[in-house]
């Protein structure tokens, strides 16, 4: 795999680790309110906190899967494609349709770029 593909995949993973942190440990913050375009008062609701924590955990799983795939042999790199396209890009499309159009650029575009670099390097 090319170094550029690896770097881009790691950037996507780090982005999802940041989202994990924001949703699980900092969801009741002004930063989360701005990032998710949700009123801060709503972020203080216990049920909303629970939903954010659950969603944050899934973002962490995405990050771990991508990092895991970065350091395995070529046949296992298919796992990276699964996570980049099958999870991150699909989640970005869904997020853009249901939450904010910006998600497709913030979350989806880096994953598409990483996927393209991985595909070219294969």
PDB file of N, CA and C in Angstrom:
ATOM      1  N   UNK A   1       0.855  -1.174   0.000  1.00  0.00           N
ATOM      2  CA  UNK A   1       0.000   0.000   0.000  1.00  0.00           C
ATOM      3  C   UNK A   1       0.899   1.235   0.000  1.00  0.00           C
ATOM      4  N   UNK A   2       0.494   2.249  -0.739  1.00  0.00           N
ATOM      5  CA  UNK A   2       1.302   3.462  -0.784  1.00  0.00           C
ATOM      6  C   UNK A   2       1.222   4.192   0.551  1.00  0.00           C
ATOM      7  N   UNK A   3       2.232   4.979   0.808  1.00  0.00           N
ATOM      8  CA  UNK A   3       2.277   5.754   2.052  1.00  0.00           C
ATOM      9  C   UNK A   3       1.134   6.766   2.089  1.00  0.00           C
ATOM     10  N   UNK A   4       0.761   7.303   0.921  1.00  0.00           N
ATOM     11  CA  UNK A   4      -0.332   8.281   0.890  1.00  0.00           C
ATOM     12  C   UNK A   4      -1.667   7.640   1.257  1.00  0.00           C
ATOM     13  N   UNK A   5      -1.904   6.432   0.763  1.00  0.00           N
ATOM     14  CA  UNK A   5      -3.130   5.712   1.101  1.00  0.00           C
ATOM     15  C   UNK A   5      -3.162   5.407   2.595  1.00  0.00           C
ATOM     16  N   UNK A   6      -2.044   4.973   3.131  1.00  0.00           N
ATOM     17  CA  UNK A   6      -1.956   4.665   4.556  1.00  0.00           C
ATOM     18  C   UNK A   6      -2.199   5.915   5.404  1.00  0.00           C
ATOM     19  N   UNK A   7      -1.569   7.013   5.032  1.00  0.00           N
ATOM     20  CA  UNK A   7      -1.738   8.265   5.777  1.00  0.00           C
ATOM     21  C   UNK A   7      -3.195   8.715   5.752  1.00  0.00           C
ATOM     22  N   UNK A   8      -3.826   8.652   4.583  1.00  0.00           N
ATOM     23  CA  UNK A   8      -5.216   9.092   4.479  1.00  0.00           C
ATOM     24  C   UNK A   8      -6.138   8.199   5.289  1.00  0.00           C
ATOM     25  N   UNK A   9      -5.890   6.900   5.276  1.00  0.00           N
ATOM     26  CA  UNK A   9      -6.702   5.979   6.074  1.00  0.00           C
ATOM     27  C   UNK A   9      -6.538   6.274   7.569  1.00  0.00           C
ATOM     28  N   UNK A  10      -5.314   6.558   7.993  1.00  0.00           N
ATOM     29  CA  UNK A  10      -5.071   6.889   9.403  1.00  0.00           C
ATOM     30  C   UNK A  10      -5.759   8.206   9.761  1.00  0.00           C
ATOM     31  N   UNK A  11      -5.767   9.172   8.849  1.00  0.00           N
ATOM     32  CA  UNK A  11      -6.467  10.436   9.097  1.00  0.00           C
ATOM     33  C   UNK A  11      -7.957  10.181   9.318  1.00  0.00           C
ATOM     34  N   UNK A  12      -8.545   9.316   8.507  1.00  0.00           N
ATOM     35  CA  UNK A  12      -9.963   8.967   8.685  1.00  0.00           C
ATOM     36  C   UNK A  12     -10.170   8.313  10.053  1.00  0.00           C
ATOM     37  N   UNK A  13      -9.263   7.432  10.440  1.00  0.00           N
ATOM     38  CA  UNK A  13      -9.374   6.764  11.749  1.00  0.00           C
ATOM     39  C   UNK A  13      -9.269   7.774  12.888  1.00  0.00           C
ATOM     40  N   UNK A  14      -8.316   8.693  12.783  1.00  0.00           N
ATOM     41  CA  UNK A  14      -8.147   9.714  13.829  1.00  0.00           C
ATOM     42  C   UNK A  14      -9.392  10.598  13.911  1.00  0.00           C
ATOM     43  N   UNK A  15      -9.956  10.930  12.760  1.00  0.00           N
ATOM     44  CA  UNK A  15     -11.189  11.722  12.745  1.00  0.00           C
ATOM     45  C   UNK A  15     -12.292  11.001  13.528  1.00  0.00           C
ATOM     46  N   UNK A  16     -12.391   9.694  13.348  1.00  0.00           N
ATOM     47  CA  UNK A  16     -13.429   8.939  14.051  1.00  0.00           C
ATOM     48  C   UNK A  16     -13.122   8.768  15.536  1.00  0.00           C
ATOM     49  N   UNK A  17     -11.861   8.749  15.892  1.00  0.00           N
ATOM     50  CA  UNK A  17     -11.516   8.755  17.316  1.00  0.00           C
ATOM     51  C   UNK A  17     -11.911  10.087  17.952  1.00  0.00           C
ATOM     52  N   UNK A  18     -11.744  11.174  17.199  1.00  0.00           N
ATOM     53  CA  UNK A  18     -12.181  12.487  17.689  1.00  0.00           C
ATOM     54  C   UNK A  18     -13.702  12.517  17.857  1.00  0.00           C
ATOM     55  N   UNK A  19     -14.421  11.975  16.879  1.00  0.00           N
ATOM     56  CA  UNK A  19     -15.881  11.931  16.977  1.00  0.00           C
ATOM     57  C   UNK A  19     -16.294  11.089  18.186  1.00  0.00           C
ATOM     58  N   UNK A  20     -15.600   9.962  18.407  1.00  0.00           N
ATOM     59  CA  UNK A  20     -15.860   9.139  19.600  1.00  0.00           C
ATOM     60  C   UNK A  20     -15.722   9.984  20.859  1.00  0.00           C
ATOM     61  N   UNK A  21     -14.622  10.713  20.966  1.00  0.00           N
ATOM     62  CA  UNK A  21     -14.388  11.559  22.147  1.00  0.00           C
ATOM     63  C   UNK A  21     -15.489  12.597  22.298  1.00  0.00           C
ATOM     64  N   UNK A  22     -15.830  13.254  21.193  1.00  0.00           N
ATOM     65  CA  UNK A  22     -16.840  14.310  21.251  1.00  0.00           C
ATOM     66  C   UNK A  22     -18.198  13.750  21.661  1.00  0.00           C
ATOM     67  N   UNK A  23     -18.581  12.603  21.108  1.00  0.00           N
ATOM     68  CA  UNK A  23     -19.904  12.048  21.399  1.00  0.00           C
ATOM     69  C   UNK A  23     -19.974  11.332  22.745  1.00  0.00           C
ATOM     70  N   UNK A  24     -18.902  10.682  23.147  1.00  0.00           N
ATOM     71  CA  UNK A  24     -18.959   9.908  24.392  1.00  0.00           C
ATOM     72  C   UNK A  24     -18.569  10.714  25.625  1.00  0.00           C
ATOM     73  N   UNK A  25     -17.629  11.621  25.485  1.00  0.00           N
ATOM     74  CA  UNK A  25     -17.073  12.280  26.663  1.00  0.00           C
ATOM     75  C   UNK A  25     -17.268  13.789  26.682  1.00  0.00           C
ATOM     76  N   UNK A  26     -17.742  14.369  25.587  1.00  0.00           N
ATOM     77  CA  UNK A  26     -17.876  15.821  25.529  1.00  0.00           C
ATOM     78  C   UNK A  26     -19.156  16.222  24.797  1.00  0.00           C
ATOM     79  N   UNK A  27     -20.163  15.364  24.849  1.00  0.00           N
ATOM     80  CA  UNK A  27     -21.370  15.626  24.074  1.00  0.00           C
ATOM     81  C   UNK A  27     -22.214  16.763  24.625  1.00  0.00           C
ATOM     82  N   UNK A  28     -22.029  17.103  25.877  1.00  0.00           N
ATOM     83  CA  UNK A  28     -22.783  18.199  26.478  1.00  0.00           C
ATOM     84  C   UNK A  28     -21.927  19.469  26.475  1.00  0.00           C
ATOM     85  N   UNK A  29     -21.351  19.783  25.323  1.00  0.00           N
ATOM     86  CA  UNK A  29     -20.468  20.950  25.239  1.00  0.00           C
ATOM     87  C   UNK A  29     -20.901  21.878  24.112  1.00  0.00           C
ATOM     88  N   UNK A  30     -20.391  23.073  24.157  1.00  0.00           N
ATOM     89  CA  UNK A  30     -20.647  24.037  23.085  1.00  0.00           C
ATOM     90  C   UNK A  30     -20.071  23.527  21.764  1.00  0.00           C
ATOM     91  N   UNK A  31     -18.907  22.863  21.828  1.00  0.00           N
ATOM     92  CA  UNK A  31     -18.282  22.304  20.621  1.00  0.00           C
ATOM     93  C   UNK A  31     -19.205  21.267  19.977  1.00  0.00           C
ATOM     94  N   UNK A  32     -19.786  20.382  20.775  1.00  0.00           N
ATOM     95  CA  UNK A  32     -20.705  19.370  20.249  1.00  0.00           C
ATOM     96  C   UNK A  32     -21.966  20.031  19.699  1.00  0.00           C
ATOM     97  N   UNK A  33     -22.448  21.034  20.382  1.00  0.00           N
ATOM     98  CA  UNK A  33     -23.622  21.749  19.916  1.00  0.00           C
ATOM     99  C   UNK A  33     -23.391  22.346  18.533  1.00  0.00           C
ATOM    100  N   UNK A  34     -22.231  22.959  18.344  1.00  0.00           N
ATOM    101  CA  UNK A  34     -21.890  23.532  17.031  1.00  0.00           C
ATOM    102  C   UNK A  34     -21.649  22.431  15.999  1.00  0.00           C
ATOM    103  N   UNK A  35     -20.900  21.408  16.365  1.00  0.00           N
ATOM    104  CA  UNK A  35     -20.535  20.349  15.420  1.00  0.00           C
ATOM    105  C   UNK A  35     -21.758  19.617  14.886  1.00  0.00           C
ATOM    106  N   UNK A  36     -22.724  19.369  15.753  1.00  0.00           N
ATOM    107  CA  UNK A  36     -23.891  18.588  15.359  1.00  0.00           C
ATOM    108  C   UNK A  36     -25.129  19.446  15.101  1.00  0.00           C
ATOM    109  N   UNK A  37     -24.975  20.776  15.215  1.00  0.00           N
ATOM    110  CA  UNK A  37     -26.087  21.714  14.998  1.00  0.00           C
ATOM    111  C   UNK A  37     -27.306  21.326  15.828  1.00  0.00           C
ATOM    112  N   UNK A  38     -27.049  21.062  17.106  1.00  0.00           N
ATOM    113  CA  UNK A  38     -28.095  20.666  18.044  1.00  0.00           C
ATOM    114  C   UNK A  38     -28.058  21.655  19.210  1.00  0.00           C
ATOM    115  N   UNK A  39     -29.214  22.166  19.624  1.00  0.00           N
ATOM    116  CA  UNK A  39     -29.205  23.092  20.761  1.00  0.00           C
ATOM    117  C   UNK A  39     -28.595  22.438  22.004  1.00  0.00           C
ATOM    118  N   UNK A  40     -27.821  23.211  22.724  1.00  0.00           N
ATOM    119  CA  UNK A  40     -27.133  22.681  23.912  1.00  0.00           C
ATOM    120  C   UNK A  40     -28.124  22.126  24.935  1.00  0.00           C
ATOM    121  N   UNK A  41     -29.279  22.765  25.031  1.00  0.00           N
ATOM    122  CA  UNK A  41     -30.299  22.299  25.982  1.00  0.00           C
ATOM    123  C   UNK A  41     -30.720  20.862  25.661  1.00  0.00           C
ATOM    124  N   UNK A  42     -30.838  20.543  24.370  1.00  0.00           N
ATOM    125  CA  UNK A  42     -31.194  19.176  23.972  1.00  0.00           C
ATOM    126  C   UNK A  42     -30.077  18.190  24.334  1.00  0.00           C
ATOM    127  N   UNK A  43     -28.840  18.637  24.234  1.00  0.00           N
ATOM    128  CA  UNK A  43     -27.702  17.767  24.562  1.00  0.00           C
ATOM    129  C   UNK A  43     -27.643  17.415  26.042  1.00  0.00           C
ATOM    130  N   UNK A  44     -28.375  18.151  26.864  1.00  0.00           N
ATOM    131  CA  UNK A  44     -28.379  17.883  28.301  1.00  0.00           C
ATOM    132  C   UNK A  44     -29.410  16.821  28.704  1.00  0.00           C
ATOM    133  N   UNK A  45     -30.269  16.431  27.772  1.00  0.00           N
ATOM    134  CA  UNK A  45     -31.287  15.413  28.041  1.00  0.00           C
ATOM    135  C   UNK A  45     -30.597  14.045  28.170  1.00  0.00           C
ATOM    136  N   UNK A  46     -30.908  13.330  29.225  1.00  0.00           N
ATOM    137  CA  UNK A  46     -30.260  12.048  29.516  1.00  0.00           C
ATOM    138  C   UNK A  46     -30.373  11.060  28.360  1.00  0.00           C
ATOM    139  N   UNK A  47     -31.547  10.963  27.762  1.00  0.00           N
ATOM    140  CA  UNK A  47     -31.732  10.027  26.646  1.00  0.00           C
ATOM    141  C   UNK A  47     -30.873  10.407  25.441  1.00  0.00           C
ATOM    142  N   UNK A  48     -30.732  11.691  25.206  1.00  0.00           N
ATOM    143  CA  UNK A  48     -29.886  12.165  24.102  1.00  0.00           C
ATOM    144  C   UNK A  48     -28.422  11.838  24.404  1.00  0.00           C
ATOM    145  N   UNK A  49     -28.025  12.019  25.656  1.00  0.00           N
ATOM    146  CA  UNK A  49     -26.662  11.667  26.068  1.00  0.00           C
ATOM    147  C   UNK A  49     -26.390  10.184  25.795  1.00  0.00           C
ATOM    148  N   UNK A  50     -27.353   9.350  26.134  1.00  0.00           N
ATOM    149  CA  UNK A  50     -27.208   7.906  25.902  1.00  0.00           C
ATOM    150  C   UNK A  50     -27.056   7.608  24.413  1.00  0.00           C
ATOM    151  N   UNK A  51     -27.867   8.233  23.588  1.00  0.00           N
ATOM    152  CA  UNK A  51     -27.778   8.025  22.144  1.00  0.00           C
ATOM    153  C   UNK A  51     -26.421   8.473  21.601  1.00  0.00           C
ATOM    154  N   UNK A  52     -25.946   9.618  22.063  1.00  0.00           N
ATOM    155  CA  UNK A  52     -24.644  10.114  21.619  1.00  0.00           C
ATOM    156  C   UNK A  52     -23.522   9.167  22.022  1.00  0.00           C
ATOM    157  N   UNK A  53     -23.575   8.662  23.231  1.00  0.00           N
ATOM    158  CA  UNK A  53     -22.533   7.744  23.692  1.00  0.00           C
ATOM    159  C   UNK A  53     -22.521   6.459  22.854  1.00  0.00           C
ATOM    160  N   UNK A  54     -23.699   5.951  22.528  1.00  0.00           N
ATOM    161  CA  UNK A  54     -23.803   4.768  21.688  1.00  0.00           C
ATOM    162  C   UNK A  54     -23.218   5.051  20.303  1.00  0.00           C
ATOM    163  N   UNK A  55     -23.582   6.164  19.740  1.00  0.00           N
ATOM    164  CA  UNK A  55     -23.072   6.540  18.426  1.00  0.00           C
ATOM    165  C   UNK A  55     -21.562   6.744  18.472  1.00  0.00           C
ATOM    166  N   UNK A  56     -21.067   7.322  19.541  1.00  0.00           N
ATOM    167  CA  UNK A  56     -19.621   7.520  19.694  1.00  0.00           C
ATOM    168  C   UNK A  56     -18.868   6.203  19.735  1.00  0.00           C
ATOM    169  N   UNK A  57     -19.453   5.232  20.395  1.00  0.00           N
ATOM    170  CA  UNK A  57     -18.829   3.917  20.461  1.00  0.00           C
ATOM    171  C   UNK A  57     -18.691   3.316  19.064  1.00  0.00           C
ATOM    172  N   UNK A  58     -19.709   3.444  18.246  1.00  0.00           N
ATOM    173  CA  UNK A  58     -19.646   2.928  16.877  1.00  0.00           C
ATOM    174  C   UNK A  58     -18.584   3.657  16.056  1.00  0.00           C
ATOM    175  N   UNK A  59     -18.430   4.948  16.258  1.00  0.00           N
ATOM    176  CA  UNK A  59     -17.358   5.671  15.577  1.00  0.00           C
ATOM    177  C   UNK A  59     -15.992   5.142  16.014  1.00  0.00           C
ATOM    178  N   UNK A  60     -15.877   4.781  17.272  1.00  0.00           N
ATOM    179  CA  UNK A  60     -14.635   4.177  17.753  1.00  0.00           C
ATOM    180  C   UNK A  60     -14.361   2.839  17.088  1.00  0.00           C
ATOM    181  N   UNK A  61     -15.409   2.045  16.900  1.00  0.00           N
ATOM    182  CA  UNK A  61     -15.246   0.767  16.205  1.00  0.00           C
ATOM    183  C   UNK A  61     -14.739   0.979  14.784  1.00  0.00           C
ATOM    184  N   UNK A  62     -15.272   1.982  14.104  1.00  0.00           N
ATOM    185  CA  UNK A  62     -14.800   2.284  12.753  1.00  0.00           C
ATOM    186  C   UNK A  62     -13.305   2.614  12.770  1.00  0.00           C
ATOM    187  N   UNK A  63     -12.909   3.448  13.711  1.00  0.00           N
ATOM    188  CA  UNK A  63     -11.498   3.848  13.801  1.00  0.00           C
ATOM    189  C   UNK A  63     -10.605   2.641  14.065  1.00  0.00           C
ATOM    190  N   UNK A  64     -10.990   1.803  14.985  1.00  0.00           N
ATOM    191  CA  UNK A  64     -10.190   0.629  15.322  1.00  0.00           C
ATOM    192  C   UNK A  64     -10.077  -0.316  14.130  1.00  0.00           C
ATOM    193  N   UNK A  65     -11.181  -0.520  13.405  1.00  0.00           N
ATOM    194  CA  UNK A  65     -11.143  -1.383  12.229  1.00  0.00           C
ATOM    195  C   UNK A  65     -10.198  -0.866  11.160  1.00  0.00           C
ATOM    196  N   UNK A  66     -10.218   0.442  10.925  1.00  0.00           N
ATOM    197  CA  UNK A  66      -9.333   1.035   9.918  1.00  0.00           C
ATOM    198  C   UNK A  66      -7.873   0.915  10.368  1.00  0.00           C
ATOM    199  N   UNK A  67      -7.591   1.237  11.605  1.00  0.00           N
ATOM    200  CA  UNK A  67      -6.215   1.136  12.118  1.00  0.00           C
ATOM    201  C   UNK A  67      -5.740  -0.308  12.060  1.00  0.00           C
ATOM    202  N   UNK A  68      -6.590  -1.231  12.463  1.00  0.00           N
ATOM    203  CA  UNK A  68      -6.270  -2.655  12.425  1.00  0.00           C
ATOM    204  C   UNK A  68      -5.885  -3.074  11.005  1.00  0.00           C
ATOM    205  N   UNK A  69      -6.687  -2.655  10.032  1.00  0.00           N
ATOM    206  CA  UNK A  69      -6.438  -3.033   8.639  1.00  0.00           C
ATOM    207  C   UNK A  69      -5.167  -2.391   8.080  1.00  0.00           C
ATOM    208  N   UNK A  70      -4.771  -1.252   8.596  1.00  0.00           N
ATOM    209  CA  UNK A  70      -3.571  -0.561   8.103  1.00  0.00           C
ATOM    210  C   UNK A  70      -2.304  -1.387   8.308  1.00  0.00           C
ATOM    211  N   UNK A  71      -2.302  -2.217   9.305  1.00  0.00           N
ATOM    212  CA  UNK A  71      -1.072  -2.892   9.683  1.00  0.00           C
ATOM    213  C   UNK A  71      -1.100  -4.393   9.434  1.00  0.00           C
ATOM    214  N   UNK A  72      -2.037  -4.845   8.597  1.00  0.00           N
ATOM    215  CA  UNK A  72      -2.117  -6.262   8.269  1.00  0.00           C
ATOM    216  C   UNK A  72      -1.648  -6.498   6.843  1.00  0.00           C
ATOM    217  N   UNK A  73      -1.492  -7.739   6.489  1.00  0.00           N
ATOM    218  CA  UNK A  73      -1.030  -8.083   5.143  1.00  0.00           C
ATOM    219  C   UNK A  73      -2.080  -7.714   4.094  1.00  0.00           C
ATOM    220  N   UNK A  74      -1.645  -7.698   2.828  1.00  0.00           N
ATOM    221  CA  UNK A  74      -2.508  -7.249   1.738  1.00  0.00           C
ATOM    222  C   UNK A  74      -3.878  -7.926   1.663  1.00  0.00           C
ATOM    223  N   UNK A  75      -3.999  -9.250   1.799  1.00  0.00           N
ATOM    224  CA  UNK A  75      -5.346  -9.837   1.696  1.00  0.00           C
ATOM    225  C   UNK A  75      -6.316  -9.286   2.738  1.00  0.00           C
ATOM    226  N   UNK A  76      -5.803  -8.927   3.882  1.00  0.00           N
ATOM    227  CA  UNK A  76      -6.665  -8.422   4.948  1.00  0.00           C
ATOM    228  C   UNK A  76      -7.004  -6.950   4.730  1.00  0.00           C
ATOM    229  N   UNK A  77      -6.322  -6.288   3.841  1.00  0.00           N
ATOM    230  CA  UNK A  77      -6.612  -4.872   3.582  1.00  0.00           C
ATOM    231  C   UNK A  77      -8.029  -4.687   3.044  1.00  0.00           C
ATOM    232  N   UNK A  78      -8.638  -5.785   2.613  1.00  0.00           N
ATOM    233  CA  UNK A  78     -10.039  -5.708   2.198  1.00  0.00           C
ATOM    234  C   UNK A  78     -10.901  -5.227   3.361  1.00  0.00           C
ATOM    235  N   UNK A  79     -10.452  -5.507   4.566  1.00  0.00           N
ATOM    236  CA  UNK A  79     -11.157  -5.028   5.756  1.00  0.00           C
ATOM    237  C   UNK A  79     -11.174  -3.503   5.753  1.00  0.00           C
ATOM    238  N   UNK A  80     -10.059  -2.896   5.347  1.00  0.00           N
ATOM    239  CA  UNK A  80      -9.990  -1.442   5.307  1.00  0.00           C
ATOM    240  C   UNK A  80     -11.009  -0.888   4.314  1.00  0.00           C
ATOM    241  N   UNK A  81     -11.128  -1.526   3.170  1.00  0.00           N
ATOM    242  CA  UNK A  81     -12.108  -1.081   2.174  1.00  0.00           C
ATOM    243  C   UNK A  81     -13.514  -1.193   2.750  1.00  0.00           C
ATOM    244  N   UNK A  82     -13.783  -2.286   3.454  1.00  0.00           N
ATOM    245  CA  UNK A  82     -15.081  -2.454   4.096  1.00  0.00           C
ATOM    246  C   UNK A  82     -15.371  -1.294   5.038  1.00  0.00           C
ATOM    247  N   UNK A  83     -14.407  -0.962   5.897  1.00  0.00           N
ATOM    248  CA  UNK A  83     -14.625   0.109   6.860  1.00  0.00           C
ATOM    249  C   UNK A  83     -14.697   1.473   6.194  1.00  0.00           C
ATOM    250  N   UNK A  84     -13.805   1.734   5.228  1.00  0.00           N
ATOM    251  CA  UNK A  84     -13.797   3.042   4.576  1.00  0.00           C
ATOM    252  C   UNK A  84     -15.070   3.273   3.775  1.00  0.00           C
ATOM    253  N   UNK A  85     -15.446   2.295   2.959  1.00  0.00           N
ATOM    254  CA  UNK A  85     -16.594   2.476   2.071  1.00  0.00           C
ATOM    255  C   UNK A  85     -17.868   1.935   2.706  1.00  0.00           C
ATOM    256  N   UNK A  86     -17.801   0.702   3.168  1.00  0.00           N
ATOM    257  CA  UNK A  86     -18.995   0.058   3.699  1.00  0.00           C
ATOM    258  C   UNK A  86     -19.512   0.676   4.971  1.00  0.00           C
ATOM    259  N   UNK A  87     -18.655   1.312   5.720  1.00  0.00           N
ATOM    260  CA  UNK A  87     -19.095   1.904   6.991  1.00  0.00           C
ATOM    261  C   UNK A  87     -19.026   3.428   6.967  1.00  0.00           C
ATOM    262  N   UNK A  88     -17.834   3.979   6.776  1.00  0.00           N
ATOM    263  CA  UNK A  88     -17.662   5.424   6.899  1.00  0.00           C
ATOM    264  C   UNK A  88     -18.437   6.176   5.817  1.00  0.00           C
ATOM    265  N   UNK A  89     -18.294   5.783   4.565  1.00  0.00           N
ATOM    266  CA  UNK A  89     -18.970   6.510   3.491  1.00  0.00           C
ATOM    267  C   UNK A  89     -20.488   6.350   3.600  1.00  0.00           C
ATOM    268  N   UNK A  90     -20.947   5.139   3.881  1.00  0.00           N
ATOM    269  CA  UNK A  90     -22.391   4.933   4.038  1.00  0.00           C
ATOM    270  C   UNK A  90     -22.920   5.737   5.227  1.00  0.00           C
ATOM    271  N   UNK A  91     -22.176   5.758   6.330  1.00  0.00           N
ATOM    272  CA  UNK A  91     -22.583   6.547   7.490  1.00  0.00           C
ATOM    273  C   UNK A  91     -22.607   8.038   7.149  1.00  0.00           C
ATOM    274  N   UNK A  92     -21.644   8.489   6.351  1.00  0.00           N
ATOM    275  CA  UNK A  92     -21.605   9.898   5.947  1.00  0.00           C
ATOM    276  C   UNK A  92     -22.803  10.255   5.067  1.00  0.00           C
ATOM    277  N   UNK A  93     -23.152   9.368   4.163  1.00  0.00           N
ATOM    278  CA  UNK A  93     -24.319   9.609   3.300  1.00  0.00           C
ATOM    279  C   UNK A  93     -25.586   9.673   4.149  1.00  0.00           C
ATOM    280  N   UNK A  94     -25.728   8.726   5.055  1.00  0.00           N
ATOM    281  CA  UNK A  94     -26.901   8.713   5.937  1.00  0.00           C
ATOM    282  C   UNK A  94     -26.926   9.971   6.809  1.00  0.00           C
ATOM    283  N   UNK A  95     -25.777  10.320   7.375  1.00  0.00           N
ATOM    284  CA  UNK A  95     -25.697  11.520   8.208  1.00  0.00           C
ATOM    285  C   UNK A  95     -26.039  12.779   7.428  1.00  0.00           C
ATOM    286  N   UNK A  96     -25.606  12.861   6.179  1.00  0.00           N
ATOM    287  CA  UNK A  96     -25.919  14.018   5.337  1.00  0.00           C
ATOM    288  C   UNK A  96     -27.408  14.091   5.036  1.00  0.00           C
ATOM    289  N   UNK A  97     -28.030  12.925   4.886  1.00  0.00           N
ATOM    290  CA  UNK A  97     -29.469  12.899   4.586  1.00  0.00           C
ATOM    291  C   UNK A  97     -30.312  13.197   5.827  1.00  0.00           C
ATOM    292  N   UNK A  98     -29.816  12.816   7.014  1.00  0.00           N
ATOM    293  CA  UNK A  98     -30.652  12.925   8.214  1.00  0.00           C
ATOM    294  C   UNK A  98     -30.244  14.036   9.181  1.00  0.00           C
ATOM    295  N   UNK A  99     -28.989  14.451   9.144  1.00  0.00           N
ATOM    296  CA  UNK A  99     -28.535  15.418  10.144  1.00  0.00           C
ATOM    297  C   UNK A  99     -28.030  16.714   9.517  1.00  0.00           C
ATOM    298  N   UNK A 100     -26.947  16.627   8.752  1.00  0.00           N
ATOM    299  CA  UNK A 100     -26.335  17.830   8.187  1.00  0.00           C
ATOM    300  C   UNK A 100     -25.639  17.489   6.880  1.00  0.00           C
ATOM    301  N   UNK A 101     -25.859  18.299   5.881  1.00  0.00           N
ATOM    302  CA  UNK A 101     -25.223  18.078   4.569  1.00  0.00           C
ATOM    303  C   UNK A 101     -23.696  18.134   4.683  1.00  0.00           C
ATOM    304  N   UNK A 102     -23.176  18.870   5.654  1.00  0.00           N
ATOM    305  CA  UNK A 102     -21.719  19.002   5.831  1.00  0.00           C
ATOM    306  C   UNK A 102     -21.048  17.668   6.122  1.00  0.00           C
ATOM    307  N   UNK A 103     -21.781  16.729   6.676  1.00  0.00           N
ATOM    308  CA  UNK A 103     -21.198  15.441   7.049  1.00  0.00           C
ATOM    309  C   UNK A 103     -20.598  14.731   5.837  1.00  0.00           C
ATOM    310  N   UNK A 104     -21.226  14.883   4.679  1.00  0.00           N
ATOM    311  CA  UNK A 104     -20.709  14.210   3.484  1.00  0.00           C
ATOM    312  C   UNK A 104     -19.304  14.721   3.151  1.00  0.00           C
ATOM    313  N   UNK A 105     -19.038  15.990   3.412  1.00  0.00           N
ATOM    314  CA  UNK A 105     -17.702  16.542   3.157  1.00  0.00           C
ATOM    315  C   UNK A 105     -16.742  16.251   4.306  1.00  0.00           C
ATOM    316  N   UNK A 106     -17.200  16.452   5.520  1.00  0.00           N
ATOM    317  CA  UNK A 106     -16.324  16.312   6.686  1.00  0.00           C
ATOM    318  C   UNK A 106     -15.943  14.860   6.944  1.00  0.00           C
ATOM    319  N   UNK A 107     -16.893  13.960   6.800  1.00  0.00           N
ATOM    320  CA  UNK A 107     -16.663  12.562   7.118  1.00  0.00           C
ATOM    321  C   UNK A 107     -16.504  11.705   5.865  1.00  0.00           C
ATOM    322  N   UNK A 108     -17.314  11.951   4.858  1.00  0.00           N
ATOM    323  CA  UNK A 108     -17.309  11.109   3.671  1.00  0.00           C
ATOM    324  C   UNK A 108     -16.151  11.362   2.722  1.00  0.00           C
ATOM    325  N   UNK A 109     -15.845  12.634   2.452  1.00  0.00           N
ATOM    326  CA  UNK A 109     -14.791  12.943   1.488  1.00  0.00           C
ATOM    327  C   UNK A 109     -13.428  12.374   1.872  1.00  0.00           C
ATOM    328  N   UNK A 110     -12.968  12.527   3.123  1.00  0.00           N
ATOM    329  CA  UNK A 110     -11.675  11.909   3.474  1.00  0.00           C
ATOM    330  C   UNK A 110     -11.675  10.391   3.289  1.00  0.00           C
ATOM    331  N   UNK A 111     -12.788   9.741   3.578  1.00  0.00           N
ATOM    332  CA  UNK A 111     -12.871   8.283   3.406  1.00  0.00           C
ATOM    333  C   UNK A 111     -12.847   7.908   1.926  1.00  0.00           C
ATOM    334  N   UNK A 112     -13.508   8.690   1.085  1.00  0.00           N
ATOM    335  CA  UNK A 112     -13.481   8.420  -0.356  1.00  0.00           C
ATOM    336  C   UNK A 112     -12.071   8.605  -0.903  1.00  0.00           C
ATOM    337  N   UNK A 113     -11.389   9.659  -0.464  1.00  0.00           N
ATOM    338  CA  UNK A 113     -10.011   9.894  -0.900  1.00  0.00           C
ATOM    339  C   UNK A 113      -9.122   8.736  -0.448  1.00  0.00           C
ATOM    340  N   UNK A 114      -9.253   8.329   0.809  1.00  0.00           N
ATOM    341  CA  UNK A 114      -8.457   7.207   1.317  1.00  0.00           C
ATOM    342  C   UNK A 114      -8.755   5.945   0.530  1.00  0.00           C
ATOM    343  N   UNK A 115     -10.024   5.680   0.241  1.00  0.00           N
ATOM    344  CA  UNK A 115     -10.389   4.502  -0.545  1.00  0.00           C
ATOM    345  C   UNK A 115      -9.748   4.547  -1.931  1.00  0.00           C
ATOM    346  N   UNK A 116      -9.821   5.685  -2.584  1.00  0.00           N
ATOM    347  CA  UNK A 116      -9.222   5.813  -3.921  1.00  0.00           C
ATOM    348  C   UNK A 116      -7.707   5.550  -3.871  1.00  0.00           C
ATOM    349  N   UNK A 117      -7.043   6.085  -2.864  1.00  0.00           N
ATOM    350  CA  UNK A 117      -5.606   5.854  -2.734  1.00  0.00           C
ATOM    351  C   UNK A 117      -5.299   4.389  -2.438  1.00  0.00           C
ATOM    352  N   UNK A 118      -6.117   3.765  -1.613  1.00  0.00           N
ATOM    353  CA  UNK A 118      -5.932   2.340  -1.317  1.00  0.00           C
ATOM    354  C   UNK A 118      -6.159   1.527  -2.598  1.00  0.00           C
ATOM    355  N   UNK A 119      -7.198   1.853  -3.359  1.00  0.00           N
ATOM    356  CA  UNK A 119      -7.490   1.121  -4.590  1.00  0.00           C
ATOM    357  C   UNK A 119      -6.366   1.266  -5.614  1.00  0.00           C
ATOM    358  N   UNK A 120      -5.803   2.460  -5.756  1.00  0.00           N
ATOM    359  CA  UNK A 120      -4.713   2.688  -6.686  1.00  0.00           C
ATOM    360  C   UNK A 120      -3.452   1.937  -6.234  1.00  0.00           C
ATOM    361  N   UNK A 121      -3.241   1.875  -4.941  1.00  0.00           N
ATOM    362  CA  UNK A 121      -2.027   1.238  -4.407  1.00  0.00           C
ATOM    363  C   UNK A 121      -2.113  -0.280  -4.444  1.00  0.00           C
ATOM    364  N   UNK A 122      -3.307  -0.829  -4.588  1.00  0.00           N
ATOM    365  CA  UNK A 122      -3.509  -2.273  -4.517  1.00  0.00           C
ATOM    366  C   UNK A 122      -2.837  -2.989  -5.654  1.00  0.00           C
TER     367      UNK A 122
END
